[in-house]
Protein backbone atom coordinates (compact mmCIF):
# COMPACT_ATOMS: atom_id res chain seq x y z
CA UNK A 1 -25.56 -48.68 -112.90
CA UNK A 2 -25.63 -45.12 -111.78
CA UNK A 3 -29.39 -45.40 -111.20
CA UNK A 4 -28.89 -48.52 -109.10
CA UNK A 5 -26.28 -46.83 -106.95
CA UNK A 6 -28.52 -43.78 -106.45
CA UNK A 7 -31.47 -46.08 -105.45
CA UNK A 8 -29.27 -47.97 -103.00
CA UNK A 9 -27.98 -44.68 -101.52
CA UNK A 10 -31.56 -43.35 -101.11
CA UNK A 11 -32.62 -46.62 -99.35
CA UNK A 12 -29.55 -46.49 -97.10
CA UNK A 13 -30.21 -42.87 -96.17
CA UNK A 14 -33.91 -43.55 -95.45
CA UNK A 15 -33.09 -46.55 -93.22
CA UNK A 16 -30.36 -44.62 -91.43
CA UNK A 17 -32.70 -41.60 -90.84
CA UNK A 18 -35.55 -43.64 -89.30
CA UNK A 19 -33.15 -45.85 -87.28
CA UNK A 20 -31.79 -42.69 -85.61
CA UNK A 21 -35.00 -42.50 -83.56
CA UNK A 22 -34.45 -46.00 -82.04
CA UNK A 23 -31.81 -46.31 -79.24
CA UNK A 24 -29.60 -49.34 -78.84
CA UNK A 25 -29.91 -50.23 -75.08
CA UNK A 26 -27.59 -52.02 -72.74
CA UNK A 27 -27.53 -53.07 -69.06
CA UNK A 28 -27.74 -49.44 -67.93
CA UNK A 29 -31.35 -49.45 -69.09
CA UNK A 30 -32.31 -50.93 -65.75
CA UNK A 31 -31.21 -47.69 -64.02
CA UNK A 32 -32.97 -45.25 -66.43
CA UNK A 33 -36.16 -47.07 -67.29
CA UNK A 34 -38.21 -45.58 -64.45
CA UNK A 35 -37.20 -41.99 -65.29
CA UNK A 36 -38.88 -41.99 -68.72
CA UNK A 37 -41.38 -44.04 -70.67
CA UNK A 38 -39.78 -46.59 -73.02
CA UNK A 39 -41.15 -48.82 -75.66
CA UNK A 40 -38.54 -51.58 -76.16
CA UNK A 41 -38.07 -54.47 -78.60
CA UNK A 42 -36.01 -57.36 -77.27
CA UNK A 43 -34.42 -59.20 -80.13
CA UNK A 44 -31.76 -61.72 -81.10
CA UNK A 45 -29.43 -61.06 -84.20
CA UNK A 46 -30.01 -64.62 -85.48
CA UNK A 47 -33.77 -64.35 -85.34
CA UNK A 48 -35.27 -64.28 -88.82
CA UNK A 49 -38.47 -62.70 -87.56
CA UNK A 50 -36.46 -59.92 -85.84
CA UNK A 51 -34.67 -59.12 -89.04
CA UNK A 52 -37.89 -58.87 -91.02
CA UNK A 53 -39.49 -56.78 -88.23
CA UNK A 54 -36.53 -54.29 -87.93
CA UNK A 55 -37.75 -51.79 -90.60
CA UNK A 56 -41.20 -51.72 -88.93
CA UNK A 57 -39.59 -50.95 -85.62
CA UNK A 58 -37.65 -48.09 -87.02
CA UNK A 59 -40.81 -46.61 -88.47
CA UNK A 60 -42.48 -46.87 -85.11
CA UNK A 61 -39.65 -44.94 -83.54
CA UNK A 62 -39.70 -42.27 -86.29
CA UNK A 63 -43.58 -41.79 -86.22
CA UNK A 64 -43.77 -41.53 -82.40
CA UNK A 65 -41.00 -38.94 -82.50
CA UNK A 66 -42.81 -37.00 -85.22
CA UNK A 67 -46.00 -37.04 -83.13
CA UNK A 68 -44.18 -35.48 -80.14
CA UNK A 69 -44.86 -38.58 -77.97
CA UNK A 70 -43.15 -38.81 -74.63
CA UNK A 71 -42.40 -42.54 -75.36
CA UNK A 72 -38.82 -43.31 -76.17
CA UNK A 73 -38.19 -46.22 -78.48
CA UNK A 74 -35.31 -48.67 -77.95
CA UNK A 75 -34.12 -52.11 -78.74
CA UNK A 76 -31.96 -54.58 -76.77
CA UNK A 77 -29.77 -57.45 -78.13
CA UNK A 78 -30.67 -60.32 -75.70
CA UNK A 79 -27.66 -62.29 -76.73
CA UNK A 80 -25.45 -59.62 -75.31
CA UNK A 81 -27.42 -58.57 -72.28
CA UNK A 82 -28.89 -61.89 -71.20
CA UNK A 83 -29.26 -61.04 -67.48
CA UNK A 84 -31.27 -57.92 -68.22
CA UNK A 85 -33.55 -59.56 -70.69
CA UNK A 86 -34.06 -62.50 -68.35
CA UNK A 87 -34.91 -60.11 -65.55
CA UNK A 88 -37.72 -58.59 -67.72
CA UNK A 89 -39.02 -62.05 -68.52
CA UNK A 90 -38.17 -62.25 -72.17
CA UNK A 91 -38.86 -65.70 -73.48
CA UNK A 92 -39.08 -65.28 -77.24
CA UNK A 93 -38.16 -62.87 -80.06
CA UNK A 94 -39.14 -60.27 -80.89
CA UNK A 95 -40.69 -59.36 -77.50
CA UNK A 96 -42.17 -55.85 -77.10
CA UNK A 97 -42.73 -54.19 -73.71
CA UNK A 98 -43.69 -50.65 -72.64
CA UNK A 99 -42.07 -49.35 -69.46
CA UNK A 100 -44.07 -46.77 -67.55
CA UNK A 101 -42.64 -45.94 -64.16
CA UNK A 102 -42.44 -49.20 -62.18
CA UNK A 103 -45.07 -50.87 -64.40
CA UNK A 104 -44.28 -53.08 -67.39
CA UNK A 105 -46.91 -53.69 -70.08
CA UNK A 106 -46.53 -56.51 -72.59
CA UNK A 107 -47.66 -56.08 -76.25
CA UNK A 108 -49.15 -59.20 -77.65
CA UNK A 109 -50.76 -57.84 -80.83
CA UNK A 110 -49.83 -57.99 -84.51
CA UNK A 111 -46.27 -56.92 -85.40
CA UNK A 112 -47.58 -53.99 -87.51
CA UNK A 113 -46.72 -50.32 -87.15
CA UNK A 114 -50.18 -48.83 -86.66
CA UNK A 115 -51.23 -51.37 -83.97
CA UNK A 116 -47.93 -50.88 -82.09
CA UNK A 117 -48.19 -47.08 -82.18
CA UNK A 118 -51.80 -47.20 -81.04
CA UNK A 119 -50.71 -49.44 -78.15
CA UNK A 120 -47.94 -47.03 -77.10
CA UNK A 121 -50.21 -44.00 -77.15
CA UNK A 122 -52.95 -45.75 -75.26
CA UNK A 123 -50.84 -47.27 -72.50
CA UNK A 124 -48.57 -44.14 -72.05
CA UNK A 125 -51.62 -41.87 -71.43
CA UNK A 126 -54.21 -41.82 -68.65
CA UNK A 127 -55.69 -45.09 -67.53
CA UNK A 128 -59.14 -43.62 -67.87
CA UNK A 129 -59.74 -40.73 -70.28
CA UNK A 130 -62.44 -38.16 -69.48
CA UNK A 131 -64.95 -37.25 -72.20
CA UNK A 132 -65.90 -33.52 -71.59
CA UNK A 133 -68.86 -32.95 -73.99
CA UNK A 134 -71.29 -34.55 -76.37
CA UNK A 135 -69.24 -33.71 -79.51
CA UNK A 136 -66.24 -35.51 -78.11
CA UNK A 137 -68.46 -38.41 -77.09
CA UNK A 138 -69.71 -38.79 -80.63
CA UNK A 139 -66.16 -38.56 -81.94
CA UNK A 140 -64.88 -41.30 -79.57
CA UNK A 141 -67.86 -43.56 -80.43
CA UNK A 142 -67.11 -43.20 -84.20
CA UNK A 143 -63.56 -44.28 -83.70
CA UNK A 144 -64.10 -47.34 -81.42
CA UNK A 145 -65.96 -50.57 -82.30
CA UNK A 146 -65.90 -51.33 -78.64
CA UNK A 147 -66.31 -48.51 -76.08
CA UNK A 148 -66.32 -48.90 -72.29
CA UNK A 149 -67.44 -45.80 -70.39
CA UNK A 150 -67.95 -45.13 -66.70
CA UNK A 151 -70.98 -42.79 -66.27
CA UNK A 152 -71.17 -40.75 -63.07
CA UNK A 153 -69.08 -39.10 -60.37
CA UNK A 154 -66.86 -40.50 -57.62
CA UNK A 155 -68.02 -43.91 -56.28
CA UNK A 156 -66.84 -47.31 -55.19
CA UNK A 157 -67.77 -48.58 -58.70
CA UNK A 158 -65.48 -46.02 -60.24
CA UNK A 159 -62.62 -47.14 -58.06
CA UNK A 160 -63.23 -50.76 -59.34
CA UNK A 161 -63.40 -49.40 -62.90
CA UNK A 162 -60.08 -47.61 -62.70
CA UNK A 163 -58.45 -50.72 -61.17
CA UNK A 164 -59.84 -52.89 -63.94
CA UNK A 165 -58.69 -50.39 -66.58
CA UNK A 166 -55.10 -50.36 -65.27
CA UNK A 167 -54.97 -54.10 -65.93
CA UNK A 168 -56.70 -54.22 -69.30
CA UNK A 169 -55.42 -51.02 -70.87
CA UNK A 170 -53.02 -53.13 -72.99
CA UNK A 171 -56.03 -54.25 -74.97
CA UNK A 172 -58.26 -51.17 -75.32
CA UNK A 173 -58.96 -47.68 -74.06
CA UNK A 174 -61.30 -46.81 -71.21
CA UNK A 175 -63.33 -43.56 -70.73
CA UNK A 176 -65.43 -41.83 -68.18
CA UNK A 177 -68.16 -39.21 -68.58
CA UNK A 178 -70.94 -37.39 -66.74
CA UNK A 179 -74.54 -38.35 -67.60
CA UNK A 180 -75.10 -34.91 -69.23
CA UNK A 181 -72.68 -35.63 -72.12
CA UNK A 182 -74.45 -38.83 -73.23
CA UNK A 183 -76.23 -38.79 -76.60
CA UNK A 184 -79.99 -38.18 -76.23
CA UNK A 185 -80.69 -41.67 -77.45
CA UNK A 186 -78.90 -43.22 -74.52
CA UNK A 187 -80.86 -43.26 -71.24
CA UNK A 188 -79.67 -45.19 -68.22
CA UNK A 189 -81.92 -46.54 -65.43
CA UNK A 190 -79.32 -45.83 -62.82
CA UNK A 191 -76.08 -43.82 -62.31
CA UNK A 192 -73.23 -44.50 -61.63
CA UNK A 193 -72.93 -47.24 -64.24
CA UNK A 194 -70.38 -48.92 -66.50
CA UNK A 195 -71.60 -49.18 -70.05
CA UNK A 196 -70.26 -50.93 -73.19
CA UNK A 197 -71.19 -49.62 -76.61
CA UNK A 198 -70.79 -52.31 -79.32
CA UNK A 199 -72.72 -53.91 -82.25
CA UNK A 200 -74.81 -50.85 -82.72
CA UNK A 201 -76.28 -50.89 -79.19
CA UNK A 202 -75.14 -50.70 -75.55
CA UNK A 203 -75.18 -52.86 -72.46
CA UNK A 204 -74.91 -51.99 -68.71
CA UNK A 205 -72.80 -53.89 -66.22
CA UNK A 206 -74.79 -55.44 -63.44
CA UNK A 207 -72.63 -56.84 -60.57
CA UNK A 208 -75.35 -59.28 -59.46
CA UNK A 209 -75.91 -60.72 -62.94
CA UNK A 210 -72.42 -60.41 -64.44
CA UNK A 211 -70.14 -60.94 -61.37
CA UNK A 212 -66.60 -59.56 -61.36
CA UNK A 213 -66.17 -56.29 -63.43
CA UNK A 214 -62.79 -57.45 -64.99
CA UNK A 215 -64.32 -60.73 -66.03
CA UNK A 216 -67.30 -59.00 -67.60
CA UNK A 217 -65.10 -56.64 -69.53
CA UNK A 218 -62.96 -59.56 -70.78
CA UNK A 219 -66.09 -61.22 -72.07
CA UNK A 220 -67.48 -58.09 -73.74
CA UNK A 221 -64.32 -56.54 -75.24
CA UNK A 222 -64.75 -58.20 -78.63
CA UNK A 223 -67.42 -57.64 -81.30
CA UNK A 224 -69.98 -60.43 -81.30
CA UNK A 225 -68.91 -61.35 -84.87
CA UNK A 226 -65.45 -60.35 -86.14
CA UNK A 227 -62.51 -61.26 -88.30
CA UNK A 228 -60.05 -63.47 -86.36
CA UNK A 229 -56.34 -64.18 -86.47
CA UNK A 230 -53.80 -65.89 -84.18
CA UNK A 231 -53.26 -62.71 -82.09
CA UNK A 232 -57.02 -62.14 -81.65
CA UNK A 233 -57.51 -65.73 -80.61
CA UNK A 234 -54.66 -65.43 -78.10
CA UNK A 235 -56.34 -62.39 -76.57
CA UNK A 236 -59.74 -64.14 -76.42
CA UNK A 237 -58.20 -66.79 -74.17
CA UNK A 238 -59.28 -64.71 -71.06
CA UNK A 239 -62.87 -64.27 -72.22
CA UNK A 240 -63.93 -67.69 -71.07
CA UNK A 241 -66.02 -68.15 -74.22
CA UNK A 242 -65.96 -70.80 -76.86
CA UNK A 243 -65.05 -69.38 -80.30
CA UNK A 244 -67.10 -70.39 -83.31
CA UNK A 245 -65.13 -69.93 -86.54
CA UNK A 246 -65.98 -70.13 -90.20
CA UNK A 247 -62.61 -71.11 -91.74
CA UNK A 248 -62.07 -69.68 -95.18
CA UNK A 249 -59.78 -70.53 -98.05
CA UNK A 250 -58.15 -67.07 -98.69
CA UNK A 251 -56.48 -68.18 -101.90
CA UNK A 252 -59.55 -69.77 -103.49
CA UNK A 253 -62.80 -68.19 -101.91
CA UNK A 254 -65.94 -70.23 -102.71
CA UNK A 255 -69.69 -70.02 -102.40
CA UNK A 256 -69.43 -72.54 -99.51
CA UNK A 257 -67.16 -70.16 -97.65
CA UNK A 258 -69.70 -67.35 -98.07
CA UNK A 259 -72.55 -69.56 -96.99
CA UNK A 260 -70.74 -70.73 -93.83
CA UNK A 261 -69.75 -67.19 -92.88
CA UNK A 262 -73.38 -66.07 -93.34
CA UNK A 263 -74.60 -68.84 -91.07
CA UNK A 264 -72.05 -67.92 -88.34
CA UNK A 265 -72.93 -64.25 -88.57
CA UNK A 266 -76.71 -65.13 -88.34
CA UNK A 267 -76.14 -67.21 -85.21
CA UNK A 268 -74.14 -64.29 -83.70
CA UNK A 269 -76.82 -61.65 -84.37
CA UNK A 270 -80.23 -63.42 -84.39
CA UNK A 271 -79.36 -65.76 -81.53
CA UNK A 272 -77.37 -63.26 -79.58
CA UNK A 273 -79.57 -63.49 -76.48
CA UNK A 274 -79.17 -67.25 -76.44
CA UNK A 275 -75.47 -67.59 -77.27
CA UNK A 276 -73.67 -64.40 -76.33
CA UNK A 277 -72.69 -65.50 -72.80
CA UNK A 278 -71.12 -68.71 -74.06
CA UNK A 279 -69.88 -68.09 -77.59
CA UNK A 280 -67.77 -65.64 -79.59
CA UNK A 281 -68.28 -65.77 -83.39
CA UNK A 282 -65.94 -64.95 -86.21
CA UNK A 283 -64.32 -65.93 -89.53
CA UNK A 284 -60.65 -66.65 -90.15
CA UNK A 285 -58.65 -66.72 -93.36
CA UNK A 286 -55.39 -68.21 -92.02
CA UNK A 287 -55.34 -71.72 -90.61
CA UNK A 288 -51.75 -72.26 -89.50
CA UNK A 289 -52.82 -71.62 -85.91
CA UNK A 290 -55.59 -74.10 -86.26
CA UNK A 291 -53.38 -76.71 -87.89
CA UNK A 292 -51.04 -76.52 -84.80
CA UNK A 293 -54.00 -76.91 -82.48
CA UNK A 294 -55.68 -79.79 -84.27
CA UNK A 295 -52.27 -81.37 -85.33
CA UNK A 296 -53.58 -81.83 -88.81
CA UNK A 297 -54.54 -79.68 -91.75
CA UNK A 298 -57.81 -77.96 -91.28
CA UNK A 299 -59.37 -77.99 -94.73
CA UNK A 300 -61.32 -74.92 -95.61
CA UNK A 301 -64.13 -74.10 -95.85
CA UNK A 302 -65.35 -75.58 -92.60
CA UNK A 303 -66.76 -74.78 -89.19
CA UNK A 304 -64.73 -75.42 -85.97
CA UNK A 305 -65.38 -74.36 -82.37
CA UNK A 306 -62.39 -73.74 -80.11
CA UNK A 307 -62.11 -74.07 -76.34
CA UNK A 308 -59.15 -71.72 -75.73
CA UNK A 309 -59.06 -72.60 -72.02
CA UNK A 310 -57.78 -76.12 -72.68
CA UNK A 311 -56.80 -76.21 -76.31
CA UNK A 312 -59.79 -78.34 -77.14
CA UNK A 313 -61.99 -78.16 -80.22
CA UNK A 314 -65.27 -79.30 -81.74
CA UNK A 315 -66.14 -80.12 -85.34
CA UNK A 316 -69.55 -81.14 -86.68
CA UNK A 317 -69.77 -84.68 -87.87
CA UNK A 318 -72.69 -83.93 -90.18
CA UNK A 319 -72.88 -81.19 -92.85
CA UNK A 320 -74.19 -77.88 -91.56
CA UNK A 321 -76.64 -76.82 -94.14
CA UNK A 322 -79.05 -74.54 -92.33
CA UNK A 323 -79.11 -72.26 -89.34
CA UNK A 324 -81.05 -74.92 -87.52
CA UNK A 325 -78.23 -77.42 -88.09
CA UNK A 326 -75.75 -74.95 -86.62
CA UNK A 327 -77.86 -74.10 -83.55
CA UNK A 328 -78.35 -77.78 -82.93
CA UNK A 329 -74.60 -78.37 -83.09
CA UNK A 330 -73.82 -75.44 -80.70
CA UNK A 331 -76.49 -76.49 -78.29
CA UNK A 332 -75.09 -79.95 -78.33
CA UNK A 333 -71.74 -78.62 -77.24
CA UNK A 334 -73.28 -76.73 -74.31
CA UNK A 335 -75.28 -79.82 -73.31
CA UNK A 336 -72.24 -82.08 -73.48
CA UNK A 337 -73.69 -84.17 -76.30
CA UNK A 338 -70.89 -83.27 -78.72
CA UNK A 339 -67.51 -84.74 -77.76
CA UNK A 340 -64.51 -82.42 -77.36
CA UNK A 341 -61.37 -83.32 -79.30
CA UNK A 342 -57.78 -82.35 -78.62
CA UNK A 343 -57.28 -80.80 -75.15
CA UNK A 344 -54.13 -80.27 -73.06
CA UNK A 345 -53.54 -83.83 -71.71
CA UNK A 346 -49.99 -85.14 -71.43
CA UNK A 347 -50.09 -87.15 -74.70
CA UNK A 348 -51.63 -84.26 -76.56
CA UNK A 349 -49.02 -81.81 -75.15
CA UNK A 350 -46.16 -84.12 -76.32
CA UNK A 351 -47.75 -84.34 -79.78
CA UNK A 352 -48.16 -80.59 -79.94
CA UNK A 353 -44.55 -79.97 -78.78
CA UNK A 354 -43.25 -82.35 -81.51
CA UNK A 355 -45.45 -80.60 -84.08
CA UNK A 356 -44.26 -77.14 -82.96
CA UNK A 357 -40.70 -78.20 -83.19
CA UNK A 358 -41.22 -79.60 -86.68
CA UNK A 359 -42.95 -76.36 -87.74
CA UNK A 360 -40.14 -74.23 -86.27
CA UNK A 361 -37.46 -76.25 -88.06
CA UNK A 362 -39.32 -76.04 -91.36
CA UNK A 363 -39.70 -72.30 -90.96
CA UNK A 364 -36.01 -71.92 -90.16
CA UNK A 365 -35.02 -74.12 -93.13
CA UNK A 366 -37.20 -72.26 -95.52
CA UNK A 367 -35.58 -68.96 -94.49
CA UNK A 368 -31.92 -70.18 -94.15
CA UNK A 369 -31.26 -73.74 -95.22
CA UNK A 370 -27.56 -73.76 -94.78
CA UNK A 371 -27.42 -72.27 -91.29
CA UNK A 372 -30.39 -74.48 -90.13
CA UNK A 373 -28.53 -77.58 -91.31
CA UNK A 374 -25.51 -76.49 -89.42
CA UNK A 375 -27.49 -75.79 -86.23
CA UNK A 376 -29.11 -79.21 -86.34
CA UNK A 377 -26.34 -81.48 -87.81
CA UNK A 378 -23.37 -80.24 -85.70
CA UNK A 379 -24.94 -80.95 -82.21
CA UNK A 380 -26.31 -84.28 -83.50
CA UNK A 381 -22.89 -85.21 -84.84
CA UNK A 382 -21.10 -84.30 -81.60
CA UNK A 383 -23.56 -86.32 -79.55
CA UNK A 384 -23.21 -89.27 -81.92
CA UNK A 385 -19.45 -89.19 -81.64
CA UNK A 386 -19.65 -89.21 -77.88
CA UNK A 387 -22.06 -92.18 -77.91
CA UNK A 388 -19.85 -94.04 -80.33
CA UNK A 389 -16.71 -93.45 -78.34
CA UNK A 390 -18.44 -94.48 -75.14
CA UNK A 391 -19.72 -97.80 -76.64
CA UNK A 392 -16.47 -98.73 -78.37
CA UNK A 393 -13.92 -97.97 -75.61
CA UNK A 394 -11.89 -101.02 -74.48
CA UNK A 395 -11.79 -102.16 -70.82
CA UNK A 396 -8.35 -101.93 -69.29
CA UNK A 397 -7.65 -104.51 -66.60
CA UNK A 398 -5.17 -104.04 -63.83
CA UNK A 399 -2.99 -106.83 -65.27
CA UNK A 400 -2.76 -106.15 -69.05
CA UNK A 401 -0.20 -109.02 -69.50
CA UNK A 402 -2.54 -111.68 -68.16
CA UNK A 403 -3.70 -114.07 -70.86
CA UNK A 404 -7.40 -114.49 -71.32
CA UNK A 405 -8.92 -117.38 -69.30
CA UNK A 406 -9.72 -120.40 -71.37
CA UNK A 407 -12.72 -122.69 -71.01
CA UNK A 408 -13.71 -126.15 -72.08
CA UNK A 409 -11.62 -129.29 -72.68
CA UNK A 410 -8.52 -127.33 -73.89
CA UNK A 411 -8.48 -125.46 -70.56
CA UNK A 412 -8.61 -128.70 -68.59
CA UNK A 413 -5.76 -130.21 -70.69
CA UNK A 414 -3.58 -127.08 -70.23
CA UNK A 415 -4.07 -127.26 -66.47
CA UNK A 416 -3.08 -130.98 -66.41
CA UNK A 417 0.14 -130.27 -68.42
CA UNK A 418 1.09 -127.40 -66.06
CA UNK A 419 0.53 -129.75 -63.09
CA UNK A 420 2.87 -132.39 -64.65
CA UNK A 421 5.51 -129.82 -65.48
CA UNK A 422 5.49 -128.61 -61.85
CA UNK A 423 5.71 -132.19 -60.60
CA UNK A 424 8.75 -132.93 -62.95
CA UNK A 425 10.51 -129.85 -61.69
CA UNK A 426 10.11 -130.82 -58.12
CA UNK A 427 11.49 -134.39 -58.81
CA UNK A 428 14.53 -132.83 -60.52
């Protein structure tokens, strides 16, 4: 018993100590937010996800403080300060935003400590970071799977690069360097240039060939073949590419899963020149996101191609046994020979909304059955009572004493009797 009390006391002290680095904010935040940098979680006390996420958020605050970061960490109860949260465009919980002067940056990545801290450090620093020497260049390359670098001095291209970086810094870091600090293996035909290092090689931006710089960066900011999750797919929505996915069964991996992953990776690497402008390749262990998109259970292992711009998808009708089968299927999509399923039409949107509602209710019920039943049953009961009362109310006439009007032979006989009675009274 004493051991249990000691353990509880240690846990309580640990939680209290880390939560001390997170400020509870109120409506006065609107007045102070531009004076310092703030990383803020907008939450609701009833939100199950917010409760689960709370310890992670406290760790974020403690670690940023220990690193000497200039970013303050706070949290705001949106049920208390509704006007402020609405002003900042909060639509769901938990929502994470970084406030830097007049600018507000939304965090849309995984709700994990390391990713959130990396986001805060990246966005709070310079929009474009200078690389001063070759040693630092090699260090930066070793730490980034995708590396965008502006090479050269002042130019119109650099102005476009800085403007682009200020928009996309929420996703990754951007760098600049002089040509003299490039590794000896990297030679450029012209300077200034914007270069992306990825997949063990590098590519140069060409305005005539690639068009808008921001669009090109959005297309190239992912590895050609990578592990995917719902957050990554959300981010890929701006790339304009179709996403080819080998769906795995994480609980029961099989030889078929390994084979399909190998086929997808082969298409990504060996057919890069043919497919890289139209397709992004990857593998995915979870399929809850896919189930919501397809409105059915996506049975792994399988291959699916997503059109993130309109919530459409493609699935091969025939088994994909060889790389030739996969290439034929992908070419068929580009040629319009393979029919797109799903989409964002009105009927499909209604179905998806109903499915999302069912999923949300199921998630709430699994987490808190009693409160979920109360939330659903009470409003339904009230509405039912109102409808019942409206339908059963009796009509009140102006003359409540008036007898109901009779019809048929009996009514005619009653009228004749009344006439005779009136006639008799007159004779009397």
